[in-house]
Amino acid sequence: MYPISNLTNKATTSGASRVSPLTANREAEALAFLAERPAHTFGMAGWIRENGVLSPHNRGTFFASRDETGQLDGIALIGHSTMFETHSDSALMGFAKVALSCPNLFRILGEWDKVERFTDLLTNHGRTVRLECREHLFEKRWPLELLDPVPGLRLATQGDLDLVAPPHAQMAFEDSGVNPLDTDPDGFRQRYARRIEKNRTWVWVEDGRLIFKADLVSSTPDVMYLEGIWVDTADRGKMYGQRCLSQLVRELLNRAPSVTLLVNRNHERALNFYQKAGFKLIGCYDTVYIES
């Protein structure tokens, strides 16, 4: 969590909404609010379920916005990865004002129109956008085409950490321009090791070589959210990725009715890959990286 100084003890008012840190005793209320649109709130809902409202693993602080009647009209996580769900413009602007004082603001992720308004307030008050990209939110539900299974696809172990960390860091660099193995190697490896410990990473390894990997970042009763899907360049075009993804998605659809993922709209090969796998476009998102 980042230090929020006097905002911890004093709510911020924006229009008809009041913004204050979300407290642990309001967790159930927050999850019910986020469950109204589960396909778009997977990140916050998943992290609250896994880490709780107050945890350093969230790498930020959860905030709640309430209207003049005291009802929730917004939930936000503000920190390294900032995201929000709002029912009013005043809630959105209230969260943006809180974000202005966040020292570790790195990435803002959300539906493109909301992110645009959120970011406008930040830039109008001196924060600088370093990079922005439009992303497509894809979803897969039943039915699922059955492809030949991959017997070697399995959950990763800590012994796989040195295999999966470099390609994941490279993917982060390609998206953000920052390689976490350069800027925060110990923290990055610790976070990835925790993901493996939580049984969130799947790999296919043959003769010590990583062929495929994928990460389950967020898990709720409604949505399973994947990222970090990677196929070794030497094995692309052989249907290995399609087979692994089909097998993994089939497993995840037994846990929840929806599997989602985000794809940069400029990555034509990736877009074709997921469309071929039967994923359908359900939303347009923006990811904005803020200058530190």
Foldseek 3Di string as FASTA:
>chain_A
DFDQPCLAVDWDFFVQKTKGFDDQVCLVVVLVVCVVPCLFNQQVNQCCVVANQDDCLLQFTKMFMAGNVRHTAKIWTAHCEIEMHGNDPRVLCSVLVSNLPHPRHFKYKGFAVSVVVSVVVNVVVPWAFPDKFKKFKWKDFDDFDADDADVQKDQDALVCLVQQLVLLQVVVCVVRVDRCCVVPVVVSSVSVNVQSVVSFKIFRDDPNHTAWMKGFNGDDQAETEIDDTDGPPVCPPVCPSLNSVRVVVVVVCVRHRMYIYMDGPVPVVVVVSVVVRVIDTDGMMMMITIDD
